[in-house]
C-alpha atoms as a PDB file:
ATOM      1  CA  MET A   1      47.719 118.365 105.458  1.00  0.00           C
ATOM      2  CA  ALA A   2      48.355 115.090 103.458  1.00  0.00           C
ATOM      3  CA  TYR A   3      50.986 114.038 101.337  1.00  0.00           C
ATOM      4  CA  GLN A   4      50.013 114.622  97.774  1.00  0.00           C
ATOM      5  CA  LYS A   5      51.980 114.065  94.470  1.00  0.00           C
ATOM      6  CA  GLY A   6      53.503 117.076  92.881  1.00  0.00           C
ATOM      7  CA  ARG A   7      52.783 119.038  95.482  1.00  0.00           C
ATOM      8  CA  PRO A   8      55.184 122.011  94.561  1.00  0.00           C
ATOM      9  CA  ASP A   9      56.025 123.265  98.347  1.00  0.00           C
ATOM     10  CA  PHE A  10      57.027 119.357  99.715  1.00  0.00           C
ATOM     11  CA  PRO A  11      60.972 119.480 100.130  1.00  0.00           C
ATOM     12  CA  HIS A  12      62.438 116.921  97.760  1.00  0.00           C
ATOM     13  CA  ARG A  13      65.835 115.549  96.156  1.00  0.00           C
ATOM     14  CA  ASP A  14      66.015 114.065  93.305  1.00  0.00           C
ATOM     15  CA  PHE A  15      68.973 111.242  94.232  1.00  0.00           C
ATOM     16  CA  ARG A  16      69.931 110.393  90.735  1.00  0.00           C
ATOM     17  CA  GLN A  17      71.701 113.740  90.507  1.00  0.00           C
ATOM     18  CA  PRO A  18      74.940 114.243  91.688  1.00  0.00           C
ATOM     19  CA  SER A  19      75.441 115.634  95.167  1.00  0.00           C
ATOM     20  CA  SER A  20      75.704 119.198  95.416  1.00  0.00           C
ATOM     21  CA  HIS A  21      78.479 118.689  98.399  1.00  0.00           C
ATOM     22  CA  GLY A  22      80.654 117.182  95.371  1.00  0.00           C
ATOM     23  CA  PRO A  23      82.013 114.235  94.672  1.00  0.00           C
ATOM     24  CA  ARG A  24      82.956 111.051  96.918  1.00  0.00           C
ATOM     25  CA  PRO A  25      86.328 111.058  97.659  1.00  0.00           C
ATOM     26  CA  GLY A  26      88.255 108.755  95.199  1.00  0.00           C
ATOM     27  CA  ALA A  27      85.786 108.728  92.318  1.00  0.00           C
ATOM     28  CA  GLU A  28      86.296 112.273  91.308  1.00  0.00           C
ATOM     29  CA  ALA A  29      87.681 111.245  87.915  1.00  0.00           C
ATOM     30  CA  PRO A  30      88.691 107.916  86.245  1.00  0.00           C
ATOM     31  CA  ALA A  31      91.641 106.380  87.631  1.00  0.00           C
ATOM     32  CA  LYS A  32      94.773 106.947  86.156  1.00  0.00           C
ATOM     33  CA  LEU A  33      95.637 103.331  87.085  1.00  0.00           C
ATOM     34  CA  ALA A  34      92.353 101.928  85.884  1.00  0.00           C
ATOM     35  CA  PRO A  35      94.508  99.656  83.613  1.00  0.00           C
ATOM     36  CA  TYR A  36      95.797  97.756  86.706  1.00  0.00           C
ATOM     37  CA  LEU A  37      92.867  96.706  88.361  1.00  0.00           C
ATOM     38  CA  ALA A  38      93.595  93.107  87.851  1.00  0.00           C
ATOM     39  CA  THR A  39      96.868  93.377  89.403  1.00  0.00           C
ATOM     40  CA  PHE A  40      95.068  95.359  91.957  1.00  0.00           C
ATOM     41  CA  LEU A  41      93.188  92.792  92.556  1.00  0.00           C
ATOM     42  CA  ASP A  42      95.926  90.046  92.511  1.00  0.00           C
ATOM     43  CA  LEU A  43      97.718  91.697  95.131  1.00  0.00           C
ATOM     44  CA  SER A  44      94.434  92.211  97.093  1.00  0.00           C
ATOM     45  CA  VAL A  45      94.341  88.130  96.999  1.00  0.00           C
ATOM     46  CA  VAL A  46      97.448  88.052  98.360  1.00  0.00           C
ATOM     47  CA  LEU A  47      96.998  90.576 101.046  1.00  0.00           C
ATOM     48  CA  THR A  48      93.518  89.309 102.439  1.00  0.00           C
ATOM     49  CA  GLY A  49      93.778  85.666 102.041  1.00  0.00           C
ATOM     50  CA  PHE A  50      90.560  85.962  99.905  1.00  0.00           C
ATOM     51  CA  ASP A  51      89.614  84.878  96.212  1.00  0.00           C
ATOM     52  CA  GLU A  52      88.881  87.300  93.620  1.00  0.00           C
ATOM     53  CA  VAL A  53      85.420  86.242  93.173  1.00  0.00           C
ATOM     54  CA  THR A  54      85.153  87.548  96.965  1.00  0.00           C
ATOM     55  CA  LEU A  55      86.677  90.985  96.310  1.00  0.00           C
ATOM     56  CA  ARG A  56      84.935  91.437  93.083  1.00  0.00           C
ATOM     57  CA  GLY A  57      81.609  90.688  94.511  1.00  0.00           C
ATOM     58  CA  ALA A  58      81.808  93.314  96.656  1.00  0.00           C
ATOM     59  CA  GLY A  59      81.967  95.546  93.909  1.00  0.00           C
ATOM     60  CA  VAL A  60      84.223  97.891  95.532  1.00  0.00           C
ATOM     61  CA  ALA A  61      87.588  97.340  94.233  1.00  0.00           C
ATOM     62  CA  ASP A  62      87.778 100.046  91.449  1.00  0.00           C
ATOM     63  CA  SER A  63      86.740 102.638  93.709  1.00  0.00           C
ATOM     64  CA  TYR A  64      89.292 101.390  96.256  1.00  0.00           C
ATOM     65  CA  LEU A  65      92.122 101.521  93.599  1.00  0.00           C
ATOM     66  CA  ARG A  66      90.925 105.367  92.858  1.00  0.00           C
ATOM     67  CA  ALA A  67      90.678 106.117  96.379  1.00  0.00           C
ATOM     68  CA  ALA A  68      94.343 104.632  97.183  1.00  0.00           C
ATOM     69  CA  GLU A  69      95.296 106.937  94.103  1.00  0.00           C
ATOM     70  CA  SER A  70      93.739 109.887  95.224  1.00  0.00           C
ATOM     71  CA  ARG A  71      94.830 109.654  98.864  1.00  0.00           C
ATOM     72  CA  ILE A  72      98.933 109.046  98.002  1.00  0.00           C
ATOM     73  CA  GLY A  73      98.838 109.604  94.406  1.00  0.00           C
ATOM     74  CA  ALA A  74      99.190 107.601  90.845  1.00  0.00           C
ATOM     75  CA  GLY A  75     103.362 106.911  91.122  1.00  0.00           C
ATOM     76  CA  SER A  76     103.192 105.646  94.662  1.00  0.00           C
ATOM     77  CA  VAL A  77     100.364 102.690  93.919  1.00  0.00           C
ATOM     78  CA  GLU A  78     101.925 102.204  90.488  1.00  0.00           C
ATOM     79  CA  ALA A  79     105.089 101.305  92.592  1.00  0.00           C
ATOM     80  CA  LEU A  80     103.530  98.857  94.516  1.00  0.00           C
ATOM     81  CA  LEU A  81     101.492  97.340  91.709  1.00  0.00           C
ATOM     82  CA  LEU A  82     104.645  97.327  89.362  1.00  0.00           C
ATOM     83  CA  ALA A  83     106.758  95.291  92.195  1.00  0.00           C
ATOM     84  CA  TYR A  84     103.631  93.034  92.458  1.00  0.00           C
ATOM     85  CA  GLY A  85     103.555  92.319  88.925  1.00  0.00           C
ATOM     86  CA  ALA A  86     107.001  91.335  89.102  1.00  0.00           C
ATOM     87  CA  ILE A  87     106.861  89.102  91.693  1.00  0.00           C
ATOM     88  CA  ALA A  88     103.796  87.623  90.420  1.00  0.00           C
ATOM     89  CA  LYS A  89     105.499  87.346  86.829  1.00  0.00           C
ATOM     90  CA  ALA A  90     108.589  85.086  89.226  1.00  0.00           C
ATOM     91  CA  THR A  91     106.307  83.170  90.772  1.00  0.00           C
ATOM     92  CA  VAL A  92     103.792  81.739  88.422  1.00  0.00           C
ATOM     93  CA  GLY A  93     102.035  78.530  89.911  1.00  0.00           C
ATOM     94  CA  ASN A  94     103.631  78.607  93.364  1.00  0.00           C
ATOM     95  CA  PRO A  95     101.425  80.931  95.886  1.00  0.00           C
ATOM     96  CA  ALA A  96     103.769  79.548  98.859  1.00  0.00           C
ATOM     97  CA  ALA A  97     106.537  81.250  96.814  1.00  0.00           C
ATOM     98  CA  ARG A  98     104.590  84.369  96.101  1.00  0.00           C
ATOM     99  CA  GLU A  99     103.008  84.945  99.683  1.00  0.00           C
ATOM    100  CA  ALA A 100     106.651  84.836 100.503  1.00  0.00           C
ATOM    101  CA  ARG A 101     107.891  86.960  98.410  1.00  0.00           C
ATOM    102  CA  VAL A 102     105.036  89.900  98.888  1.00  0.00           C
ATOM    103  CA  ARG A 103     106.106  89.352 102.868  1.00  0.00           C
ATOM    104  CA  ARG A 104     109.449  90.077 101.926  1.00  0.00           C
ATOM    105  CA  ASP A 105     109.434  92.264  99.210  1.00  0.00           C
ATOM    106  CA  ILE A 106     106.684  94.361  99.698  1.00  0.00           C
ATOM    107  CA  LEU A 107     105.174  94.218 103.067  1.00  0.00           C
ATOM    108  CA  GLY A 108     108.999  94.186 104.357  1.00  0.00           C
ATOM    109  CA  ASP A 109     109.588  97.183 101.923  1.00  0.00           C
ATOM    110  CA  GLU A 110     109.807 100.850 103.910  1.00  0.00           C
ATOM    111  CA  LYS A 111     107.496 102.536 100.814  1.00  0.00           C
ATOM    112  CA  LEU A 112     105.458  99.727  99.900  1.00  0.00           C
ATOM    113  CA  GLY A 113     104.876  98.197 102.999  1.00  0.00           C
ATOM    114  CA  PRO A 114     102.602 101.055 104.313  1.00  0.00           C
ATOM    115  CA  ILE A 115     101.245 101.414 101.370  1.00  0.00           C
ATOM    116  CA  ALA A 116     100.265  97.450 100.907  1.00  0.00           C
ATOM    117  CA  ARG A 117      99.009  97.611 105.224  1.00  0.00           C
ATOM    118  CA  ALA A 118      96.830 100.783 103.942  1.00  0.00           C
ATOM    119  CA  ILE A 119      95.166  98.708 101.230  1.00  0.00           C
ATOM    120  CA  LEU A 120      94.866  96.077 103.413  1.00  0.00           C
ATOM    121  CA  LYS A 121      92.939  97.726 105.906  1.00  0.00           C
ATOM    122  CA  LEU A 122      90.746  99.173 103.292  1.00  0.00           C
ATOM    123  CA  TRP A 123      89.659  95.828 101.959  1.00  0.00           C
ATOM    124  CA  TYR A 124      88.813  94.339 106.171  1.00  0.00           C
ATOM    125  CA  TYR A 125      87.241  98.134 106.907  1.00  0.00           C
ATOM    126  CA  GLY A 126      86.172  99.797 104.117  1.00  0.00           C
ATOM    127  CA  THR A 127      88.457 102.773 105.503  1.00  0.00           C
ATOM    128  CA  TRP A 128      91.676 104.441 103.864  1.00  0.00           C
ATOM    129  CA  TYR A 129      93.920 105.019 106.711  1.00  0.00           C
ATOM    130  CA  ALA A 130      96.437 107.750 106.397  1.00  0.00           C
ATOM    131  CA  LEU A 131      99.982 106.334 106.144  1.00  0.00           C
ATOM    132  CA  PRO A 132     102.270 107.217 108.916  1.00  0.00           C
ATOM    133  CA  GLN A 133     104.495 111.044 109.149  1.00  0.00           C
ATOM    134  CA  ALA A 134     107.589 108.926 109.259  1.00  0.00           C
ATOM    135  CA  TRP A 135     106.521 107.736 105.649  1.00  0.00           C
ATOM    136  CA  HIS A 136     105.452 111.335 104.325  1.00  0.00           C
ATOM    137  CA  GLN A 137     108.805 112.709 105.885  1.00  0.00           C
ATOM    138  CA  LYS A 138     110.690 110.236 103.937  1.00  0.00           C
ATOM    139  CA  PHE A 139     108.713 109.892 100.599  1.00  0.00           C
ATOM    140  CA  GLY A 140     106.833 113.214  99.954  1.00  0.00           C
ATOM    141  CA  PRO A 141     103.704 114.647 101.547  1.00  0.00           C
ATOM    142  CA  ALA A 142     100.507 113.962  99.955  1.00  0.00           C
ATOM    143  CA  PRO A 143      97.795 116.395 101.360  1.00  0.00           C
ATOM    144  CA  ASP A 144      95.359 114.543 100.678  1.00  0.00           C
ATOM    145  CA  ASP A 145      96.358 111.361 102.568  1.00  0.00           C
ATOM    146  CA  THR A 146      93.659 111.732 105.155  1.00  0.00           C
ATOM    147  CA  THR A 147      92.083 108.571 107.133  1.00  0.00           C
ATOM    148  CA  PHE A 148      88.279 108.649 105.367  1.00  0.00           C
ATOM    149  CA  VAL A 149      85.910 105.764 104.752  1.00  0.00           C
ATOM    150  CA  VAL A 150      85.378 105.522 101.425  1.00  0.00           C
ATOM    151  CA  SER A 151      81.558 105.101 101.285  1.00  0.00           C
ATOM    152  CA  ALA A 152      78.704 103.899 102.754  1.00  0.00           C
ATOM    153  CA  ASN A 153      78.617 100.543 101.138  1.00  0.00           C
ATOM    154  CA  ALA A 154      82.438 100.432 101.739  1.00  0.00           C
ATOM    155  CA  TYR A 155      81.701  99.738 105.234  1.00  0.00           C
ATOM    156  CA  VAL A 156      79.120  97.200 104.302  1.00  0.00           C
ATOM    157  CA  GLU A 157      81.137  95.257 102.182  1.00  0.00           C
ATOM    158  CA  GLY A 158      84.159  95.162 104.192  1.00  0.00           C
ATOM    159  CA  LEU A 159      86.109  91.863 104.625  1.00  0.00           C
ATOM    160  CA  LEU A 160      86.530  92.269 108.627  1.00  0.00           C
ATOM    161  CA  TRP A 161      82.333  90.839 108.135  1.00  0.00           C
ATOM    162  CA  ARG A 162      82.982  87.686 106.778  1.00  0.00           C
ATOM    163  CA  ALA A 163      86.130  87.468 108.558  1.00  0.00           C
ATOM    164  CA  ILE A 164      84.253  87.100 111.989  1.00  0.00           C
ATOM    165  CA  GLY A 165      81.307  85.882 110.955  1.00  0.00           C
ATOM    166  CA  ALA A 166      78.981  88.449 111.631  1.00  0.00           C
ATOM    167  CA  HIS A 167      77.399  91.149 109.929  1.00  0.00           C
ATOM    168  CA  PRO A 168      77.578  95.040 109.666  1.00  0.00           C
ATOM    169  CA  ALA A 169      75.802  96.907 111.865  1.00  0.00           C
ATOM    170  CA  GLY A 170      73.206  99.006 110.699  1.00  0.00           C
ATOM    171  CA  ALA A 171      73.383  97.032 107.048  1.00  0.00           C
ATOM    172  CA  LYS A 172      72.751  93.112 106.404  1.00  0.00           C
ATOM    173  CA  ALA A 173      70.277  91.960 108.936  1.00  0.00           C
ATOM    174  CA  PRO A 174      70.414  88.864 109.743  1.00  0.00           C
ATOM    175  CA  GLY A 175      66.626  88.594 110.698  1.00  0.00           C
ATOM    176  CA  PHE A 176      64.902  88.646 113.897  1.00  0.00           C
ATOM    177  CA  GLY A 177      66.144  85.940 117.113  1.00  0.00           C
ATOM    178  CA  SER A 178      69.798  85.517 114.783  1.00  0.00           C
ATOM    179  CA  TRP A 179      71.691  86.419 118.128  1.00  0.00           C
ATOM    180  CA  ALA A 180      70.339  82.902 119.333  1.00  0.00           C
ATOM    181  CA  TYR A 181      72.621  81.009 116.674  1.00  0.00           C
ATOM    182  CA  LYS A 182      76.275  80.494 116.371  1.00  0.00           C
ATOM    183  CA  PRO A 183      78.373  82.817 113.924  1.00  0.00           C
ATOM    184  CA  VAL A 184      78.748  80.363 110.792  1.00  0.00           C
ATOM    185  CA  PHE A 185      82.528  80.756 109.648  1.00  0.00           C
ATOM    186  CA  PRO A 186      83.334  79.900 105.717  1.00  0.00           C
ATOM    187  CA  ASP A 187      85.314  76.721 105.218  1.00  0.00           C
ATOM    188  CA  PRO A 188      89.019  78.017 104.548  1.00  0.00           C
END
């Protein structure tokens, strides 16, 4: 029997409606940290080495900020962003000094460093990696801090693919015969 439009026994799902499985992780509610999105992006530029246009163009910055907030709490993420804000203010017009201060004062910090590294991995892999047990033992438990892929789009837009000059498996196909050509890397 051929498919007939409007056939009542044909199983279908209206994909415009929310999933019956609940909201996506990291997308539960408006983020308390939404006003910090610009600071989050600025920090992400320093951490990833990609410019803000590239990061915004990926279309995942807001969901990444919400994912971090939902996994470890707004207070910890806010502490990171406030620390970075102070560094940014003190190093206006001096990107080398800003990068050095981020390495020393954020990545070298026992509380902020693991959070910053998790955000860095989030940008490259589209996956939030749970913070180390030692961090939780020292700074408190975060029951929702589990490793998870933020979304299918996060995987596709991961910076890893741009960094290695490749395409994500199963998405953004480069076209038939593309394997015959060497990867093209963007100029630094």
